[in-house]
PDB file of N, CA and C in Angstrom:
ATOM      1  N   MET A   1      22.756 -39.435   9.113  1.00  0.00           N
ATOM      2  CA  MET A   1      23.539 -38.542   8.857  1.00  0.00           C
ATOM      3  C   MET A   1      22.229 -37.965   7.527  1.00  0.00           C
ATOM      4  N   ASP A   2      23.363 -36.779   6.828  1.00  0.00           N
ATOM      5  CA  ASP A   2      21.828 -36.156   6.377  1.00  0.00           C
ATOM      6  C   ASP A   2      22.546 -36.729   4.419  1.00  0.00           C
ATOM      7  N   PRO A   3      21.401 -37.085   4.476  1.00  0.00           N
ATOM      8  CA  PRO A   3      21.035 -37.715   3.297  1.00  0.00           C
ATOM      9  C   PRO A   3      21.305 -37.073   2.201  1.00  0.00           C
ATOM     10  N   GLU A   4      20.893 -35.259   2.514  1.00  0.00           N
ATOM     11  CA  GLU A   4      21.151 -34.974   0.876  1.00  0.00           C
ATOM     12  C   GLU A   4      23.155 -34.979   1.284  1.00  0.00           C
ATOM     13  N   ARG A   5      23.598 -35.108   2.069  1.00  0.00           N
ATOM     14  CA  ARG A   5      25.202 -34.993   1.448  1.00  0.00           C
ATOM     15  C   ARG A   5      25.329 -36.064   1.289  1.00  0.00           C
ATOM     16  N   ALA A   6      25.289 -37.476   1.703  1.00  0.00           N
ATOM     17  CA  ALA A   6      25.410 -38.916   1.955  1.00  0.00           C
ATOM     18  C   ALA A   6      25.206 -39.069  -0.113  1.00  0.00           C
ATOM     19  N   THR A   7      24.673 -37.922  -0.426  1.00  0.00           N
ATOM     20  CA  THR A   7      24.857 -38.776  -2.355  1.00  0.00           C
ATOM     21  C   THR A   7      25.685 -37.310  -2.769  1.00  0.00           C
ATOM     22  N   GLN A   8      26.494 -36.905  -1.653  1.00  0.00           N
ATOM     23  CA  GLN A   8      27.193 -36.276  -2.491  1.00  0.00           C
ATOM     24  C   GLN A   8      29.061 -36.647  -2.253  1.00  0.00           C
ATOM     25  N   PRO A   9      29.434 -37.400  -2.243  1.00  0.00           N
ATOM     26  CA  PRO A   9      30.474 -38.632  -2.134  1.00  0.00           C
ATOM     27  C   PRO A   9      31.833 -36.984  -1.958  1.00  0.00           C
ATOM     28  N   GLU A  10      32.192 -35.947  -2.752  1.00  0.00           N
ATOM     29  CA  GLU A  10      33.259 -35.856  -3.012  1.00  0.00           C
ATOM     30  C   GLU A  10      32.522 -34.258  -1.829  1.00  0.00           C
ATOM     31  N   ALA A  11      32.196 -33.976  -1.416  1.00  0.00           N
ATOM     32  CA  ALA A  11      31.450 -32.911   0.590  1.00  0.00           C
ATOM     33  C   ALA A  11      32.511 -34.267   1.528  1.00  0.00           C
ATOM     34  N   LEU A  12      32.321 -35.737   1.127  1.00  0.00           N
ATOM     35  CA  LEU A  12      33.334 -36.392   2.304  1.00  0.00           C
ATOM     36  C   LEU A  12      34.484 -36.342   1.953  1.00  0.00           C
ATOM     37  N   THR A  13      35.229 -35.830   1.102  1.00  0.00           N
ATOM     38  CA  THR A  13      36.840 -36.733   0.699  1.00  0.00           C
ATOM     39  C   THR A  13      37.141 -35.079   0.586  1.00  0.00           C
ATOM     40  N   ARG A  14      36.200 -34.566  -0.117  1.00  0.00           N
ATOM     41  CA  ARG A  14      37.257 -32.828  -0.174  1.00  0.00           C
ATOM     42  C   ARG A  14      37.953 -31.996   0.915  1.00  0.00           C
ATOM     43  N   ALA A  15      38.872 -31.797   1.186  1.00  0.00           N
ATOM     44  CA  ALA A  15      38.926 -30.612   2.794  1.00  0.00           C
ATOM     45  C   ALA A  15      38.748 -29.291   1.763  1.00  0.00           C
ATOM     46  N   PRO A  16      37.888 -28.409   2.525  1.00  0.00           N
ATOM     47  CA  PRO A  16      37.814 -27.262   2.626  1.00  0.00           C
ATOM     48  C   PRO A  16      39.422 -26.568   1.611  1.00  0.00           C
ATOM     49  N   ALA A  17      39.387 -25.117   0.574  1.00  0.00           N
ATOM     50  CA  ALA A  17      39.911 -24.684  -0.427  1.00  0.00           C
ATOM     51  C   ALA A  17      41.029 -23.809   1.253  1.00  0.00           C
ATOM     52  N   GLU A  18      40.616 -23.884   2.489  1.00  0.00           N
ATOM     53  CA  GLU A  18      41.351 -23.119   3.445  1.00  0.00           C
ATOM     54  C   GLU A  18      42.450 -23.890   3.896  1.00  0.00           C
ATOM     55  N   ALA A  19      41.558 -24.565   4.209  1.00  0.00           N
ATOM     56  CA  ALA A  19      42.473 -26.395   4.880  1.00  0.00           C
ATOM     57  C   ALA A  19      43.397 -26.564   4.856  1.00  0.00           C
ATOM     58  N   VAL A  20      44.429 -27.113   6.086  1.00  0.00           N
ATOM     59  CA  VAL A  20      46.224 -26.782   5.629  1.00  0.00           C
ATOM     60  C   VAL A  20      46.607 -28.559   5.251  1.00  0.00           C
ATOM     61  N   PRO A  21      46.978 -28.470   4.954  1.00  0.00           N
ATOM     62  CA  PRO A  21      47.372 -30.838   4.703  1.00  0.00           C
ATOM     63  C   PRO A  21      48.216 -30.144   5.976  1.00  0.00           C
ATOM     64  N   PRO A  22      47.984 -31.952   6.898  1.00  0.00           N
ATOM     65  CA  PRO A  22      49.137 -31.993   7.904  1.00  0.00           C
ATOM     66  C   PRO A  22      50.236 -32.171   7.719  1.00  0.00           C
ATOM     67  N   LEU A  23      51.069 -31.953   8.610  1.00  0.00           N
ATOM     68  CA  LEU A  23      52.597 -31.883   8.447  1.00  0.00           C
ATOM     69  C   LEU A  23      52.473 -32.889   9.316  1.00  0.00           C
ATOM     70  N   LEU A  24      53.228 -34.948   8.866  1.00  0.00           N
ATOM     71  CA  LEU A  24      54.039 -35.813   9.978  1.00  0.00           C
ATOM     72  C   LEU A  24      55.025 -35.296   9.709  1.00  0.00           C
ATOM     73  N   THR A  25      55.526 -35.212  11.285  1.00  0.00           N
ATOM     74  CA  THR A  25      57.151 -34.838  11.188  1.00  0.00           C
ATOM     75  C   THR A  25      57.586 -34.845  12.864  1.00  0.00           C
ATOM     76  N   ASP A  26      58.570 -35.632  13.373  1.00  0.00           N
ATOM     77  CA  ASP A  26      59.075 -34.759  14.217  1.00  0.00           C
ATOM     78  C   ASP A  26      59.558 -32.963  14.605  1.00  0.00           C
ATOM     79  N   PHE A  27      59.274 -32.140  14.276  1.00  0.00           N
ATOM     80  CA  PHE A  27      59.164 -31.135  14.332  1.00  0.00           C
ATOM     81  C   PHE A  27      59.374 -30.574  15.654  1.00  0.00           C
ATOM     82  N   ALA A  28      58.149 -30.598  15.964  1.00  0.00           N
ATOM     83  CA  ALA A  28      58.540 -29.800  17.425  1.00  0.00           C
ATOM     84  C   ALA A  28      59.382 -30.483  18.203  1.00  0.00           C
ATOM     85  N   SER A  29      60.132 -31.302  18.521  1.00  0.00           N
ATOM     86  CA  SER A  29      60.694 -31.517  18.762  1.00  0.00           C
ATOM     87  C   SER A  29      62.293 -31.755  18.443  1.00  0.00           C
ATOM     88  N   ASN A  30      62.569 -30.719  17.245  1.00  0.00           N
ATOM     89  CA  ASN A  30      63.829 -30.456  16.491  1.00  0.00           C
ATOM     90  C   ASN A  30      63.449 -28.638  16.362  1.00  0.00           C
ATOM     91  N   VAL A  31      62.679 -27.759  17.272  1.00  0.00           N
ATOM     92  CA  VAL A  31      62.412 -26.369  16.857  1.00  0.00           C
ATOM     93  C   VAL A  31      62.907 -25.254  17.918  1.00  0.00           C
ATOM     94  N   LEU A  32      63.408 -24.795  18.132  1.00  0.00           N
ATOM     95  CA  LEU A  32      63.982 -24.207  19.125  1.00  0.00           C
ATOM     96  C   LEU A  32      62.818 -23.049  18.508  1.00  0.00           C
ATOM     97  N   ALA A  33      62.183 -22.171  19.542  1.00  0.00           N
ATOM     98  CA  ALA A  33      61.201 -21.162  19.707  1.00  0.00           C
ATOM     99  C   ALA A  33      61.026 -20.127  21.260  1.00  0.00           C
ATOM    100  N   VAL A  34      61.902 -18.978  20.647  1.00  0.00           N
ATOM    101  CA  VAL A  34      61.738 -17.935  21.619  1.00  0.00           C
ATOM    102  C   VAL A  34      61.573 -16.383  20.750  1.00  0.00           C
ATOM    103  N   LYS A  35      60.989 -15.983  21.726  1.00  0.00           N
ATOM    104  CA  LYS A  35      59.491 -14.587  21.998  1.00  0.00           C
ATOM    105  C   LYS A  35      59.795 -13.908  22.480  1.00  0.00           C
ATOM    106  N   GLU A  36      59.363 -12.601  22.660  1.00  0.00           N
ATOM    107  CA  GLU A  36      59.970 -11.615  22.554  1.00  0.00           C
ATOM    108  C   GLU A  36      58.667 -10.085  22.565  1.00  0.00           C
ATOM    109  N   GLY A  37      58.162 -10.605  23.570  1.00  0.00           N
ATOM    110  CA  GLY A  37      56.537  -9.440  22.459  1.00  0.00           C
ATOM    111  C   GLY A  37      56.272 -10.382  21.611  1.00  0.00           C
ATOM    112  N   ASP A  38      56.102  -9.102  20.464  1.00  0.00           N
ATOM    113  CA  ASP A  38      55.241  -9.862  19.478  1.00  0.00           C
ATOM    114  C   ASP A  38      56.649 -10.232  17.647  1.00  0.00           C
ATOM    115  N   THR A  39      57.850 -10.391  18.768  1.00  0.00           N
ATOM    116  CA  THR A  39      58.876 -10.577  17.738  1.00  0.00           C
ATOM    117  C   THR A  39      58.876 -12.229  17.995  1.00  0.00           C
ATOM    118  N   PHE A  40      59.447 -13.039  17.365  1.00  0.00           N
ATOM    119  CA  PHE A  40      60.065 -14.088  17.526  1.00  0.00           C
ATOM    120  C   PHE A  40      60.590 -15.022  16.325  1.00  0.00           C
ATOM    121  N   LEU A  41      61.276 -16.249  17.220  1.00  0.00           N
ATOM    122  CA  LEU A  41      61.532 -16.845  16.085  1.00  0.00           C
ATOM    123  C   LEU A  41      61.766 -18.237  15.990  1.00  0.00           C
ATOM    124  N   TYR A  42      61.590 -18.816  15.433  1.00  0.00           N
ATOM    125  CA  TYR A  42      61.108 -20.548  14.187  1.00  0.00           C
ATOM    126  C   TYR A  42      62.669 -20.889  13.938  1.00  0.00           C
ATOM    127  N   SER A  43      63.848 -21.618  14.788  1.00  0.00           N
ATOM    128  CA  SER A  43      64.858 -21.797  14.153  1.00  0.00           C
ATOM    129  C   SER A  43      65.201 -23.860  14.696  1.00  0.00           C
ATOM    130  N   ASP A  44      66.100 -24.002  14.462  1.00  0.00           N
ATOM    131  CA  ASP A  44      66.058 -25.111  14.916  1.00  0.00           C
ATOM    132  C   ASP A  44      66.890 -24.596  16.095  1.00  0.00           C
ATOM    133  N   VAL A  45      67.671 -26.616  16.396  1.00  0.00           N
ATOM    134  CA  VAL A  45      67.971 -26.305  17.527  1.00  0.00           C
ATOM    135  C   VAL A  45      69.557 -26.035  17.887  1.00  0.00           C
ATOM    136  N   ALA A  46      70.005 -25.733  16.684  1.00  0.00           N
ATOM    137  CA  ALA A  46      71.493 -24.930  17.011  1.00  0.00           C
ATOM    138  C   ALA A  46      71.098 -23.562  16.449  1.00  0.00           C
ATOM    139  N   GLY A  47      70.314 -22.939  16.208  1.00  0.00           N
ATOM    140  CA  GLY A  47      69.897 -21.703  15.638  1.00  0.00           C
ATOM    141  C   GLY A  47      70.082 -21.376  13.905  1.00  0.00           C
ATOM    142  N   ASN A  48      70.183 -22.704  13.433  1.00  0.00           N
ATOM    143  CA  ASN A  48      69.996 -22.134  11.489  1.00  0.00           C
ATOM    144  C   ASN A  48      68.837 -22.000  11.468  1.00  0.00           C
ATOM    145  N   LEU A  49      68.064 -20.919  10.665  1.00  0.00           N
ATOM    146  CA  LEU A  49      67.435 -20.923   9.541  1.00  0.00           C
ATOM    147  C   LEU A  49      67.130 -22.196   8.260  1.00  0.00           C
ATOM    148  N   ASP A  50      66.507 -23.394   7.630  1.00  0.00           N
ATOM    149  CA  ASP A  50      65.601 -23.718   7.094  1.00  0.00           C
ATOM    150  C   ASP A  50      65.388 -22.868   6.462  1.00  0.00           C
ATOM    151  N   ASP A  51      65.277 -22.912   4.761  1.00  0.00           N
ATOM    152  CA  ASP A  51      64.543 -22.085   3.770  1.00  0.00           C
ATOM    153  C   ASP A  51      63.046 -22.894   2.913  1.00  0.00           C
ATOM    154  N   ARG A  52      63.418 -24.186   3.979  1.00  0.00           N
ATOM    155  CA  ARG A  52      62.318 -24.849   2.830  1.00  0.00           C
ATOM    156  C   ARG A  52      60.852 -24.531   3.704  1.00  0.00           C
ATOM    157  N   ARG A  53      59.323 -23.810   2.857  1.00  0.00           N
ATOM    158  CA  ARG A  53      58.344 -23.705   3.438  1.00  0.00           C
ATOM    159  C   ARG A  53      57.955 -24.145   4.102  1.00  0.00           C
ATOM    160  N   GLU A  54      58.234 -25.750   4.238  1.00  0.00           N
ATOM    161  CA  GLU A  54      56.883 -27.131   5.232  1.00  0.00           C
ATOM    162  C   GLU A  54      57.929 -26.455   6.975  1.00  0.00           C
ATOM    163  N   TRP A  55      58.886 -25.802   6.855  1.00  0.00           N
ATOM    164  CA  TRP A  55      59.451 -25.731   8.399  1.00  0.00           C
ATOM    165  C   TRP A  55      59.056 -24.168   8.531  1.00  0.00           C
ATOM    166  N   GLY A  56      58.942 -23.135   8.116  1.00  0.00           N
ATOM    167  CA  GLY A  56      58.424 -21.984   8.665  1.00  0.00           C
ATOM    168  C   GLY A  56      59.006 -21.567   9.462  1.00  0.00           C
ATOM    169  N   HIS A  57      60.348 -21.760   9.977  1.00  0.00           N
ATOM    170  CA  HIS A  57      61.435 -21.105   9.535  1.00  0.00           C
ATOM    171  C   HIS A  57      62.046 -19.818   9.540  1.00  0.00           C
ATOM    172  N   GLY A  58      62.045 -19.465  10.569  1.00  0.00           N
ATOM    173  CA  GLY A  58      61.881 -17.400  10.333  1.00  0.00           C
ATOM    174  C   GLY A  58      61.989 -17.003  11.487  1.00  0.00           C
ATOM    175  N   LEU A  59      62.097 -15.702  11.474  1.00  0.00           N
ATOM    176  CA  LEU A  59      62.412 -13.983  12.699  1.00  0.00           C
ATOM    177  C   LEU A  59      61.213 -13.448  11.388  1.00  0.00           C
ATOM    178  N   TYR A  60      60.323 -13.778  13.250  1.00  0.00           N
ATOM    179  CA  TYR A  60      58.762 -13.080  12.875  1.00  0.00           C
ATOM    180  C   TYR A  60      58.895 -11.438  13.624  1.00  0.00           C
ATOM    181  N   HIS A  61      58.042 -10.758  13.214  1.00  0.00           N
ATOM    182  CA  HIS A  61      57.845  -9.606  14.309  1.00  0.00           C
ATOM    183  C   HIS A  61      55.937  -9.114  13.760  1.00  0.00           C
ATOM    184  N   GLN A  62      55.192  -9.502  14.103  1.00  0.00           N
ATOM    185  CA  GLN A  62      53.216  -9.170  13.801  1.00  0.00           C
ATOM    186  C   GLN A  62      53.141  -9.291  12.302  1.00  0.00           C
ATOM    187  N   ASP A  63      53.768 -11.070  12.551  1.00  0.00           N
ATOM    188  CA  ASP A  63      53.158 -12.221  11.584  1.00  0.00           C
ATOM    189  C   ASP A  63      53.690 -12.120  10.600  1.00  0.00           C
ATOM    190  N   THR A  64      55.331 -11.006  10.453  1.00  0.00           N
ATOM    191  CA  THR A  64      55.735 -11.223   9.264  1.00  0.00           C
ATOM    192  C   THR A  64      57.147 -11.400   9.255  1.00  0.00           C
ATOM    193  N   ARG A  65      57.739 -13.045   7.665  1.00  0.00           N
ATOM    194  CA  ARG A  65      58.511 -12.586   8.523  1.00  0.00           C
ATOM    195  C   ARG A  65      59.774 -12.157   7.338  1.00  0.00           C
ATOM    196  N   PHE A  66      61.007 -11.384   8.417  1.00  0.00           N
ATOM    197  CA  PHE A  66      62.379 -10.692   7.791  1.00  0.00           C
ATOM    198  C   PHE A  66      63.306 -12.244   7.912  1.00  0.00           C
ATOM    199  N   LEU A  67      62.832 -12.208   8.052  1.00  0.00           N
ATOM    200  CA  LEU A  67      64.362 -13.273   8.105  1.00  0.00           C
ATOM    201  C   LEU A  67      63.637 -15.013   8.033  1.00  0.00           C
ATOM    202  N   SER A  68      64.119 -15.624   6.613  1.00  0.00           N
ATOM    203  CA  SER A  68      64.337 -16.924   6.135  1.00  0.00           C
ATOM    204  C   SER A  68      65.338 -17.705   6.703  1.00  0.00           C
ATOM    205  N   HIS A  69      66.115 -17.500   6.081  1.00  0.00           N
ATOM    206  CA  HIS A  69      67.243 -18.138   6.210  1.00  0.00           C
ATOM    207  C   HIS A  69      68.803 -17.993   6.436  1.00  0.00           C
ATOM    208  N   PHE A  70      69.441 -18.645   7.460  1.00  0.00           N
ATOM    209  CA  PHE A  70      70.381 -18.092   8.324  1.00  0.00           C
ATOM    210  C   PHE A  70      71.370 -19.367   8.606  1.00  0.00           C
ATOM    211  N   GLN A  71      72.015 -19.374   8.116  1.00  0.00           N
ATOM    212  CA  GLN A  71      73.131 -20.997   8.461  1.00  0.00           C
ATOM    213  C   GLN A  71      74.932 -20.083   9.224  1.00  0.00           C
ATOM    214  N   MET A  72      75.244 -20.522  10.475  1.00  0.00           N
ATOM    215  CA  MET A  72      76.214 -19.695  10.854  1.00  0.00           C
ATOM    216  C   MET A  72      77.225 -21.141  10.674  1.00  0.00           C
ATOM    217  N   GLN A  73      78.175 -20.284  10.209  1.00  0.00           N
ATOM    218  CA  GLN A  73      79.573 -22.068   9.890  1.00  0.00           C
ATOM    219  C   GLN A  73      80.575 -21.200  10.359  1.00  0.00           C
ATOM    220  N   LEU A  74      81.317 -21.803  10.736  1.00  0.00           N
ATOM    221  CA  LEU A  74      82.981 -21.482  10.963  1.00  0.00           C
ATOM    222  C   LEU A  74      83.864 -22.146  10.294  1.00  0.00           C
ATOM    223  N   SER A  75      84.667 -21.587   9.850  1.00  0.00           N
ATOM    224  CA  SER A  75      85.811 -22.545   8.626  1.00  0.00           C
ATOM    225  C   SER A  75      84.681 -23.338   7.787  1.00  0.00           C
ATOM    226  N   GLY A  76      84.112 -23.439   7.171  1.00  0.00           N
ATOM    227  CA  GLY A  76      82.900 -24.198   6.705  1.00  0.00           C
ATOM    228  C   GLY A  76      81.870 -25.408   7.007  1.00  0.00           C
ATOM    229  N   ARG A  77      82.193 -25.274   8.358  1.00  0.00           N
ATOM    230  CA  ARG A  77      81.664 -26.383   9.896  1.00  0.00           C
ATOM    231  C   ARG A  77      80.979 -25.498  10.442  1.00  0.00           C
ATOM    232  N   ASP A  78      80.008 -26.494  11.395  1.00  0.00           N
ATOM    233  CA  ASP A  78      78.765 -26.427  11.820  1.00  0.00           C
ATOM    234  C   ASP A  78      79.091 -26.073  13.372  1.00  0.00           C
ATOM    235  N   PRO A  79      79.327 -24.341  14.251  1.00  0.00           N
ATOM    236  CA  PRO A  79      80.314 -23.940  15.258  1.00  0.00           C
ATOM    237  C   PRO A  79      79.931 -25.398  16.870  1.00  0.00           C
ATOM    238  N   VAL A  80      79.084 -26.251  16.669  1.00  0.00           N
ATOM    239  CA  VAL A  80      78.740 -26.607  17.780  1.00  0.00           C
ATOM    240  C   VAL A  80      78.979 -28.413  17.050  1.00  0.00           C
TER     241      VAL A  80
END
């Protein structure tokens, strides 16, 4: 172990500013991903887009999200 790092406990416990905190979820089993060229869609298995930031659902083209929320209902109910 590097003696200089051992004297800096903050360096051992602090994440770099660019680090993304881990997301503990069953998201992978509940996501639909469709890709065509530079365009891709992440949605739930019913095709709905939840606009909560932690999910990242949306319609993307070249890394830009163009649609972040979509929910289909027929007569106020989910169609499936």
